[in-house]
């Protein structure tokens, strides 16, 4: 397979890679050294980016290190020319000041609440997360929400040996009033969190659930590169609030909404 590659050298987290295409759409992959070697060898690899149809496009550097950009036409027709430049973090235009409002401003009445209240199978909150964020965020948050009196769907609480993972997740998503999504670089690199998010977004679109994003070790510009829709949602960040503070606010939102319903 033919491809163009660009060695970016050592780059700092927060720098952005700008890729410009002249011609057809192409696959653009931002890879660290290890994953670049895996890509060259035809092995499974992780990358940031994806199919780019409009250019220029920018991809944030998720962490400091040596980085490469690969542009290829795998699965596509035609050819394209490409150019790449790195924009250091200090030269980027600042984002508007983030002034988070209360989470309660997110909530509209959740439909079909009475169907869930009388059932032993409902959950107040479903926690979607990547394994890498379990120790630092997901487990402490699940424990704190449980202490607040909420019924929490969290994998360590609900999964047992022999369970069908997909079936249990589908059940948890379908029977939860709120979905807490822990958004991090690891979240976007894993398939299962993406599967859970797809289910949460689908249910939220029916008016039967509210998604509460929680940002962890990630910036708004990084989220925009993966999902502009998620970046636009009111969120809480672990860099600004403690887990206990976040749990208390989520619990207040859930209890208030349940009372109103």
C-alpha atoms as a PDB file:
ATOM      1  CA  UNK A   1       0.000   0.000   0.000  1.00  0.00           C
ATOM      2  CA  UNK A   2       1.319   3.421  -0.950  1.00  0.00           C
ATOM      3  CA  UNK A   3       1.191   6.237   1.540  1.00  0.00           C
ATOM      4  CA  UNK A   4       2.788   9.556   2.382  1.00  0.00           C
ATOM      5  CA  UNK A   5       4.310   9.981   5.803  1.00  0.00           C
ATOM      6  CA  UNK A   6       5.632  12.968   7.704  1.00  0.00           C
ATOM      7  CA  UNK A   7       7.948  12.741  10.691  1.00  0.00           C
ATOM      8  CA  UNK A   8       6.990  15.552  13.049  1.00  0.00           C
ATOM      9  CA  UNK A   9       9.738  14.982  15.611  1.00  0.00           C
ATOM     10  CA  UNK A  10       9.133  15.602  19.304  1.00  0.00           C
ATOM     11  CA  UNK A  11       5.954  17.612  19.851  1.00  0.00           C
ATOM     12  CA  UNK A  12       4.208  18.949  22.923  1.00  0.00           C
ATOM     13  CA  UNK A  13       0.695  18.132  24.053  1.00  0.00           C
ATOM     14  CA  UNK A  14      -1.659  20.833  22.821  1.00  0.00           C
ATOM     15  CA  UNK A  15       0.203  21.460  19.563  1.00  0.00           C
ATOM     16  CA  UNK A  16      -1.998  20.946  16.513  1.00  0.00           C
ATOM     17  CA  UNK A  17      -1.195  19.221  13.230  1.00  0.00           C
ATOM     18  CA  UNK A  18      -2.758  20.866  10.192  1.00  0.00           C
ATOM     19  CA  UNK A  19      -3.177  18.618   7.140  1.00  0.00           C
ATOM     20  CA  UNK A  20      -4.090  20.037   3.733  1.00  0.00           C
ATOM     21  CA  UNK A  21      -5.241  17.775   0.881  1.00  0.00           C
ATOM     22  CA  UNK A  22      -5.237  18.669  -2.802  1.00  0.00           C
ATOM     23  CA  UNK A  23      -7.549  16.267  -4.561  1.00  0.00           C
ATOM     24  CA  UNK A  24      -9.702  13.483  -3.189  1.00  0.00           C
ATOM     25  CA  UNK A  25     -10.525  12.622   0.394  1.00  0.00           C
ATOM     26  CA  UNK A  26      -7.902  10.552   2.195  1.00  0.00           C
ATOM     27  CA  UNK A  27      -7.235   8.705   5.431  1.00  0.00           C
ATOM     28  CA  UNK A  28      -5.180  10.838   7.808  1.00  0.00           C
ATOM     29  CA  UNK A  29      -3.564   9.121  10.783  1.00  0.00           C
ATOM     30  CA  UNK A  30      -1.652  10.775  13.605  1.00  0.00           C
ATOM     31  CA  UNK A  31       0.572   8.081  15.162  1.00  0.00           C
ATOM     32  CA  UNK A  32       3.136   7.901  17.918  1.00  0.00           C
ATOM     33  CA  UNK A  33       6.404   6.048  17.253  1.00  0.00           C
ATOM     34  CA  UNK A  34       5.222   2.594  18.349  1.00  0.00           C
ATOM     35  CA  UNK A  35       1.981   2.730  16.410  1.00  0.00           C
ATOM     36  CA  UNK A  36       3.750   4.108  13.341  1.00  0.00           C
ATOM     37  CA  UNK A  37       6.008   1.041  13.329  1.00  0.00           C
ATOM     38  CA  UNK A  38       2.956  -1.194  13.702  1.00  0.00           C
ATOM     39  CA  UNK A  39       1.291   0.602  10.782  1.00  0.00           C
ATOM     40  CA  UNK A  40       4.362   0.153   8.572  1.00  0.00           C
ATOM     41  CA  UNK A  41       4.442  -3.550   9.418  1.00  0.00           C
ATOM     42  CA  UNK A  42       0.757  -4.011   8.643  1.00  0.00           C
ATOM     43  CA  UNK A  43      -0.120  -4.727  12.272  1.00  0.00           C
ATOM     44  CA  UNK A  44      -3.048  -3.469  14.295  1.00  0.00           C
ATOM     45  CA  UNK A  45      -2.397   0.073  15.484  1.00  0.00           C
ATOM     46  CA  UNK A  46      -4.037   3.025  17.166  1.00  0.00           C
ATOM     47  CA  UNK A  47      -4.223   6.461  15.659  1.00  0.00           C
ATOM     48  CA  UNK A  48      -5.925   9.841  15.898  1.00  0.00           C
ATOM     49  CA  UNK A  49      -7.738  11.242  12.893  1.00  0.00           C
ATOM     50  CA  UNK A  50      -9.644   9.285  10.244  1.00  0.00           C
ATOM     51  CA  UNK A  51     -11.244   9.909   6.857  1.00  0.00           C
ATOM     52  CA  UNK A  52     -10.776  13.559   5.895  1.00  0.00           C
ATOM     53  CA  UNK A  53     -13.121  14.958   3.250  1.00  0.00           C
ATOM     54  CA  UNK A  54     -12.519  18.653   3.810  1.00  0.00           C
ATOM     55  CA  UNK A  55      -9.221  20.375   4.304  1.00  0.00           C
ATOM     56  CA  UNK A  56      -7.364  21.857   5.923  1.00  0.00           C
ATOM     57  CA  UNK A  57      -8.132  19.818   9.034  1.00  0.00           C
ATOM     58  CA  UNK A  58      -6.453  20.026  12.426  1.00  0.00           C
ATOM     59  CA  UNK A  59      -5.661  17.188  14.828  1.00  0.00           C
ATOM     60  CA  UNK A  60      -4.495  18.021  18.374  1.00  0.00           C
ATOM     61  CA  UNK A  61      -1.399  16.287  19.752  1.00  0.00           C
ATOM     62  CA  UNK A  62      -2.811  14.244  22.688  1.00  0.00           C
ATOM     63  CA  UNK A  63       0.444  13.956  24.648  1.00  0.00           C
ATOM     64  CA  UNK A  64       4.080  14.960  24.315  1.00  0.00           C
ATOM     65  CA  UNK A  65       6.341  12.634  22.320  1.00  0.00           C
ATOM     66  CA  UNK A  66       7.537  11.789  18.825  1.00  0.00           C
ATOM     67  CA  UNK A  67       4.749  11.827  16.265  1.00  0.00           C
ATOM     68  CA  UNK A  68       4.127  10.917  12.625  1.00  0.00           C
ATOM     69  CA  UNK A  69       1.367  11.709  10.160  1.00  0.00           C
ATOM     70  CA  UNK A  70       0.400   9.160   7.503  1.00  0.00           C
ATOM     71  CA  UNK A  71      -1.861   9.983   4.545  1.00  0.00           C
ATOM     72  CA  UNK A  72      -3.128   6.998   2.549  1.00  0.00           C
ATOM     73  CA  UNK A  73      -5.949   6.011   0.192  1.00  0.00           C
ATOM     74  CA  UNK A  74      -6.779   2.655   1.752  1.00  0.00           C
ATOM     75  CA  UNK A  75     -10.316   1.722   0.698  1.00  0.00           C
ATOM     76  CA  UNK A  76     -10.588   4.868  -1.446  1.00  0.00           C
ATOM     77  CA  UNK A  77     -10.295   5.629  -5.143  1.00  0.00           C
ATOM     78  CA  UNK A  78      -8.127   8.183  -6.880  1.00  0.00           C
ATOM     79  CA  UNK A  79      -5.103  10.036  -5.608  1.00  0.00           C
ATOM     80  CA  UNK A  80      -4.431  13.090  -3.516  1.00  0.00           C
ATOM     81  CA  UNK A  81      -1.523  15.318  -2.624  1.00  0.00           C
ATOM     82  CA  UNK A  82      -0.954  16.404   0.926  1.00  0.00           C
ATOM     83  CA  UNK A  83       0.999  18.846   3.037  1.00  0.00           C
ATOM     84  CA  UNK A  84       1.427  18.994   6.792  1.00  0.00           C
ATOM     85  CA  UNK A  85       2.441  21.680   9.260  1.00  0.00           C
ATOM     86  CA  UNK A  86       2.545  21.815  13.048  1.00  0.00           C
ATOM     87  CA  UNK A  87       1.022  24.775  14.848  1.00  0.00           C
ATOM     88  CA  UNK A  88       2.596  25.198  18.313  1.00  0.00           C
ATOM     89  CA  UNK A  89       0.160  25.565  21.165  1.00  0.00           C
ATOM     90  CA  UNK A  90       1.339  29.046  22.083  1.00  0.00           C
ATOM     91  CA  UNK A  91       0.412  30.403  18.624  1.00  0.00           C
ATOM     92  CA  UNK A  92      -3.123  29.017  18.582  1.00  0.00           C
ATOM     93  CA  UNK A  93      -6.000  31.423  18.963  1.00  0.00           C
ATOM     94  CA  UNK A  94      -7.487  31.041  22.441  1.00  0.00           C
ATOM     95  CA  UNK A  95     -10.913  29.502  22.815  1.00  0.00           C
ATOM     96  CA  UNK A  96     -13.731  31.563  24.347  1.00  0.00           C
ATOM     97  CA  UNK A  97     -13.697  31.508  28.132  1.00  0.00           C
ATOM     98  CA  UNK A  98     -15.453  28.404  29.446  1.00  0.00           C
ATOM     99  CA  UNK A  99     -18.044  29.382  32.004  1.00  0.00           C
ATOM    100  CA  UNK A 100     -19.960  26.241  32.970  1.00  0.00           C
ATOM    101  CA  UNK A 101     -23.500  26.667  34.140  1.00  0.00           C
ATOM    102  CA  UNK A 102     -25.271  24.279  36.494  1.00  0.00           C
ATOM    103  CA  UNK A 103     -25.836  20.745  35.237  1.00  0.00           C
ATOM    104  CA  UNK A 104     -29.510  21.163  36.053  1.00  0.00           C
ATOM    105  CA  UNK A 105     -29.806  23.510  33.061  1.00  0.00           C
ATOM    106  CA  UNK A 106     -29.198  20.458  30.866  1.00  0.00           C
ATOM    107  CA  UNK A 107     -32.190  18.531  32.064  1.00  0.00           C
ATOM    108  CA  UNK A 108     -35.609  18.356  30.519  1.00  0.00           C
ATOM    109  CA  UNK A 109     -38.205  16.009  32.035  1.00  0.00           C
ATOM    110  CA  UNK A 110     -37.275  12.420  31.195  1.00  0.00           C
ATOM    111  CA  UNK A 111     -40.161  10.672  29.464  1.00  0.00           C
ATOM    112  CA  UNK A 112     -41.608   7.366  30.635  1.00  0.00           C
ATOM    113  CA  UNK A 113     -40.224   7.855  34.152  1.00  0.00           C
ATOM    114  CA  UNK A 114     -43.161   6.054  35.753  1.00  0.00           C
ATOM    115  CA  UNK A 115     -42.348   2.910  33.780  1.00  0.00           C
ATOM    116  CA  UNK A 116     -38.896   2.840  35.353  1.00  0.00           C
ATOM    117  CA  UNK A 117     -39.736   3.886  38.898  1.00  0.00           C
ATOM    118  CA  UNK A 118     -41.875   0.810  39.533  1.00  0.00           C
ATOM    119  CA  UNK A 119     -39.312  -1.595  38.062  1.00  0.00           C
ATOM    120  CA  UNK A 120     -36.454  -3.370  39.817  1.00  0.00           C
ATOM    121  CA  UNK A 121     -34.493  -3.208  36.580  1.00  0.00           C
ATOM    122  CA  UNK A 122     -34.030   0.541  36.237  1.00  0.00           C
ATOM    123  CA  UNK A 123     -30.833   2.492  36.909  1.00  0.00           C
ATOM    124  CA  UNK A 124     -30.481   6.158  37.687  1.00  0.00           C
ATOM    125  CA  UNK A 125     -27.088   6.489  36.005  1.00  0.00           C
ATOM    126  CA  UNK A 126     -25.094   4.514  33.443  1.00  0.00           C
ATOM    127  CA  UNK A 127     -21.320   5.160  33.556  1.00  0.00           C
ATOM    128  CA  UNK A 128     -19.487   4.812  30.245  1.00  0.00           C
ATOM    129  CA  UNK A 129     -15.687   4.830  30.440  1.00  0.00           C
ATOM    130  CA  UNK A 130     -12.440   3.412  29.090  1.00  0.00           C
ATOM    131  CA  UNK A 131     -10.573   0.865  31.205  1.00  0.00           C
ATOM    132  CA  UNK A 132      -7.628   3.271  31.572  1.00  0.00           C
ATOM    133  CA  UNK A 133      -9.887   5.725  33.444  1.00  0.00           C
ATOM    134  CA  UNK A 134     -11.344   3.164  35.845  1.00  0.00           C
ATOM    135  CA  UNK A 135      -8.987   3.622  38.799  1.00  0.00           C
ATOM    136  CA  UNK A 136      -8.788   7.403  38.738  1.00  0.00           C
ATOM    137  CA  UNK A 137     -12.328   8.372  37.779  1.00  0.00           C
ATOM    138  CA  UNK A 138     -14.924   5.698  37.019  1.00  0.00           C
ATOM    139  CA  UNK A 139     -14.692   3.570  40.171  1.00  0.00           C
ATOM    140  CA  UNK A 140     -14.524   6.530  42.636  1.00  0.00           C
ATOM    141  CA  UNK A 141     -17.441   8.181  40.819  1.00  0.00           C
ATOM    142  CA  UNK A 142     -19.541   4.990  40.902  1.00  0.00           C
ATOM    143  CA  UNK A 143     -18.875   4.555  44.625  1.00  0.00           C
ATOM    144  CA  UNK A 144     -19.679   8.223  45.332  1.00  0.00           C
ATOM    145  CA  UNK A 145     -22.948   8.070  43.359  1.00  0.00           C
ATOM    146  CA  UNK A 146     -23.915   4.844  45.124  1.00  0.00           C
ATOM    147  CA  UNK A 147     -23.265   6.577  48.459  1.00  0.00           C
ATOM    148  CA  UNK A 148     -25.609   9.358  47.308  1.00  0.00           C
ATOM    149  CA  UNK A 149     -28.377   6.756  47.086  1.00  0.00           C
ATOM    150  CA  UNK A 150     -28.443   6.359  43.310  1.00  0.00           C
ATOM    151  CA  UNK A 151     -28.672   3.032  41.527  1.00  0.00           C
ATOM    152  CA  UNK A 152     -25.635   2.978  39.246  1.00  0.00           C
ATOM    153  CA  UNK A 153     -24.903   0.777  36.235  1.00  0.00           C
ATOM    154  CA  UNK A 154     -21.149   0.336  36.460  1.00  0.00           C
ATOM    155  CA  UNK A 155     -19.415  -2.716  35.013  1.00  0.00           C
ATOM    156  CA  UNK A 156     -17.805  -3.846  38.275  1.00  0.00           C
ATOM    157  CA  UNK A 157     -21.200  -3.602  39.998  1.00  0.00           C
ATOM    158  CA  UNK A 158     -23.211  -5.418  37.339  1.00  0.00           C
ATOM    159  CA  UNK A 159     -21.069  -7.842  35.303  1.00  0.00           C
ATOM    160  CA  UNK A 160     -20.572 -11.430  36.428  1.00  0.00           C
ATOM    161  CA  UNK A 161     -18.551 -14.309  35.010  1.00  0.00           C
ATOM    162  CA  UNK A 162     -20.323 -15.720  31.966  1.00  0.00           C
ATOM    163  CA  UNK A 163     -22.399 -12.616  31.267  1.00  0.00           C
ATOM    164  CA  UNK A 164     -22.817 -11.440  27.682  1.00  0.00           C
ATOM    165  CA  UNK A 165     -21.005  -8.113  27.681  1.00  0.00           C
ATOM    166  CA  UNK A 166     -22.944  -6.647  24.771  1.00  0.00           C
ATOM    167  CA  UNK A 167     -26.291  -7.783  26.164  1.00  0.00           C
ATOM    168  CA  UNK A 168     -25.581  -6.422  29.652  1.00  0.00           C
ATOM    169  CA  UNK A 169     -24.435  -3.085  28.239  1.00  0.00           C
ATOM    170  CA  UNK A 170     -27.515  -2.832  26.018  1.00  0.00           C
ATOM    171  CA  UNK A 171     -29.732  -3.541  29.020  1.00  0.00           C
ATOM    172  CA  UNK A 172     -27.892  -0.993  31.157  1.00  0.00           C
ATOM    173  CA  UNK A 173     -28.156   1.734  28.517  1.00  0.00           C
ATOM    174  CA  UNK A 174     -31.823   1.016  27.838  1.00  0.00           C
ATOM    175  CA  UNK A 175     -32.844   1.077  31.522  1.00  0.00           C
ATOM    176  CA  UNK A 176     -30.827   4.098  32.716  1.00  0.00           C
ATOM    177  CA  UNK A 177     -32.278   7.579  33.088  1.00  0.00           C
ATOM    178  CA  UNK A 178     -28.942   9.394  32.782  1.00  0.00           C
ATOM    179  CA  UNK A 179     -25.729   8.504  30.972  1.00  0.00           C
ATOM    180  CA  UNK A 180     -22.440   9.776  32.431  1.00  0.00           C
ATOM    181  CA  UNK A 181     -19.738   9.621  29.743  1.00  0.00           C
ATOM    182  CA  UNK A 182     -16.125   9.940  30.937  1.00  0.00           C
ATOM    183  CA  UNK A 183     -14.458  11.532  27.914  1.00  0.00           C
ATOM    184  CA  UNK A 184     -10.692  11.151  27.689  1.00  0.00           C
ATOM    185  CA  UNK A 185      -8.020  10.319  25.078  1.00  0.00           C
ATOM    186  CA  UNK A 186      -8.460   6.645  26.028  1.00  0.00           C
ATOM    187  CA  UNK A 187     -12.225   6.881  25.540  1.00  0.00           C
ATOM    188  CA  UNK A 188     -11.823   7.841  21.883  1.00  0.00           C
ATOM    189  CA  UNK A 189      -9.218   5.113  21.328  1.00  0.00           C
ATOM    190  CA  UNK A 190     -11.457   2.218  22.446  1.00  0.00           C
ATOM    191  CA  UNK A 191     -14.323   0.462  20.658  1.00  0.00           C
ATOM    192  CA  UNK A 192     -16.525  -0.462  23.628  1.00  0.00           C
ATOM    193  CA  UNK A 193     -16.909   3.099  24.963  1.00  0.00           C
ATOM    194  CA  UNK A 194     -17.823   4.209  21.435  1.00  0.00           C
ATOM    195  CA  UNK A 195     -20.450   1.448  21.290  1.00  0.00           C
ATOM    196  CA  UNK A 196     -21.883   2.585  24.621  1.00  0.00           C
ATOM    197  CA  UNK A 197     -21.887   6.221  23.510  1.00  0.00           C
ATOM    198  CA  UNK A 198     -23.777   5.332  20.314  1.00  0.00           C
ATOM    199  CA  UNK A 199     -26.462   3.692  22.446  1.00  0.00           C
ATOM    200  CA  UNK A 200     -26.642   6.636  24.840  1.00  0.00           C
ATOM    201  CA  UNK A 201     -26.898   9.158  21.993  1.00  0.00           C
ATOM    202  CA  UNK A 202     -29.652   7.119  20.331  1.00  0.00           C
ATOM    203  CA  UNK A 203     -31.673   6.956  23.527  1.00  0.00           C
ATOM    204  CA  UNK A 204     -31.090  10.644  24.294  1.00  0.00           C
ATOM    205  CA  UNK A 205     -32.516  11.431  20.860  1.00  0.00           C
ATOM    206  CA  UNK A 206     -35.810   9.844  21.903  1.00  0.00           C
ATOM    207  CA  UNK A 207     -36.087  12.156  24.914  1.00  0.00           C
ATOM    208  CA  UNK A 208     -35.757   9.261  27.383  1.00  0.00           C
ATOM    209  CA  UNK A 209     -32.304  10.033  28.698  1.00  0.00           C
ATOM    210  CA  UNK A 210     -29.856  12.861  29.367  1.00  0.00           C
ATOM    211  CA  UNK A 211     -26.129  12.590  28.659  1.00  0.00           C
ATOM    212  CA  UNK A 212     -23.818  14.181  31.236  1.00  0.00           C
ATOM    213  CA  UNK A 213     -20.252  14.420  29.859  1.00  0.00           C
ATOM    214  CA  UNK A 214     -17.264  14.328  32.218  1.00  0.00           C
ATOM    215  CA  UNK A 215     -13.936  15.490  30.757  1.00  0.00           C
ATOM    216  CA  UNK A 216     -10.746  13.864  32.015  1.00  0.00           C
ATOM    217  CA  UNK A 217      -7.207  14.787  30.863  1.00  0.00           C
ATOM    218  CA  UNK A 218      -8.571  16.221  27.642  1.00  0.00           C
ATOM    219  CA  UNK A 219      -9.116  19.673  26.174  1.00  0.00           C
ATOM    220  CA  UNK A 220     -12.087  21.063  24.302  1.00  0.00           C
ATOM    221  CA  UNK A 221     -10.057  21.296  21.086  1.00  0.00           C
ATOM    222  CA  UNK A 222      -9.185  17.594  21.380  1.00  0.00           C
ATOM    223  CA  UNK A 223     -12.845  16.702  21.818  1.00  0.00           C
ATOM    224  CA  UNK A 224     -13.819  18.850  18.823  1.00  0.00           C
ATOM    225  CA  UNK A 225     -11.389  16.843  16.676  1.00  0.00           C
ATOM    226  CA  UNK A 226     -13.308  13.663  17.538  1.00  0.00           C
ATOM    227  CA  UNK A 227     -16.865  14.840  18.158  1.00  0.00           C
ATOM    228  CA  UNK A 228     -17.951  18.485  17.793  1.00  0.00           C
ATOM    229  CA  UNK A 229     -21.382  17.513  19.151  1.00  0.00           C
ATOM    230  CA  UNK A 230     -19.910  16.248  22.422  1.00  0.00           C
ATOM    231  CA  UNK A 231     -17.682  19.304  22.746  1.00  0.00           C
ATOM    232  CA  UNK A 232     -20.753  21.527  22.544  1.00  0.00           C
ATOM    233  CA  UNK A 233     -22.474  19.865  25.510  1.00  0.00           C
ATOM    234  CA  UNK A 234     -22.307  21.308  29.014  1.00  0.00           C
ATOM    235  CA  UNK A 235     -19.766  19.231  30.935  1.00  0.00           C
ATOM    236  CA  UNK A 236     -17.718  18.930  34.088  1.00  0.00           C
ATOM    237  CA  UNK A 237     -13.944  18.510  34.066  1.00  0.00           C
ATOM    238  CA  UNK A 238     -11.835  16.641  36.622  1.00  0.00           C
ATOM    239  CA  UNK A 239      -9.315  19.466  36.312  1.00  0.00           C
ATOM    240  CA  UNK A 240     -11.858  21.896  37.791  1.00  0.00           C
ATOM    241  CA  UNK A 241     -13.972  19.754  40.140  1.00  0.00           C
ATOM    242  CA  UNK A 242     -13.316  16.861  42.511  1.00  0.00           C
ATOM    243  CA  UNK A 243     -15.030  13.497  42.009  1.00  0.00           C
ATOM    244  CA  UNK A 244     -17.113  14.077  45.146  1.00  0.00           C
ATOM    245  CA  UNK A 245     -18.239  17.497  43.893  1.00  0.00           C
ATOM    246  CA  UNK A 246     -19.218  16.033  40.538  1.00  0.00           C
ATOM    247  CA  UNK A 247     -21.052  13.119  42.176  1.00  0.00           C
ATOM    248  CA  UNK A 248     -23.017  15.447  44.439  1.00  0.00           C
ATOM    249  CA  UNK A 249     -24.085  17.639  41.526  1.00  0.00           C
ATOM    250  CA  UNK A 250     -25.104  14.644  39.408  1.00  0.00           C
ATOM    251  CA  UNK A 251     -27.070  13.215  42.336  1.00  0.00           C
ATOM    252  CA  UNK A 252     -28.876  16.526  42.847  1.00  0.00           C
ATOM    253  CA  UNK A 253     -29.799  16.656  39.158  1.00  0.00           C
ATOM    254  CA  UNK A 254     -31.075  13.072  39.115  1.00  0.00           C
ATOM    255  CA  UNK A 255     -33.081  13.414  42.346  1.00  0.00           C
ATOM    256  CA  UNK A 256     -34.600  16.740  41.304  1.00  0.00           C
ATOM    257  CA  UNK A 257     -35.611  15.330  37.941  1.00  0.00           C
ATOM    258  CA  UNK A 258     -37.076  12.212  39.530  1.00  0.00           C
ATOM    259  CA  UNK A 259     -39.104  14.363  41.945  1.00  0.00           C
ATOM    260  CA  UNK A 260     -40.440  16.532  39.104  1.00  0.00           C
ATOM    261  CA  UNK A 261     -41.313  13.445  37.026  1.00  0.00           C
END
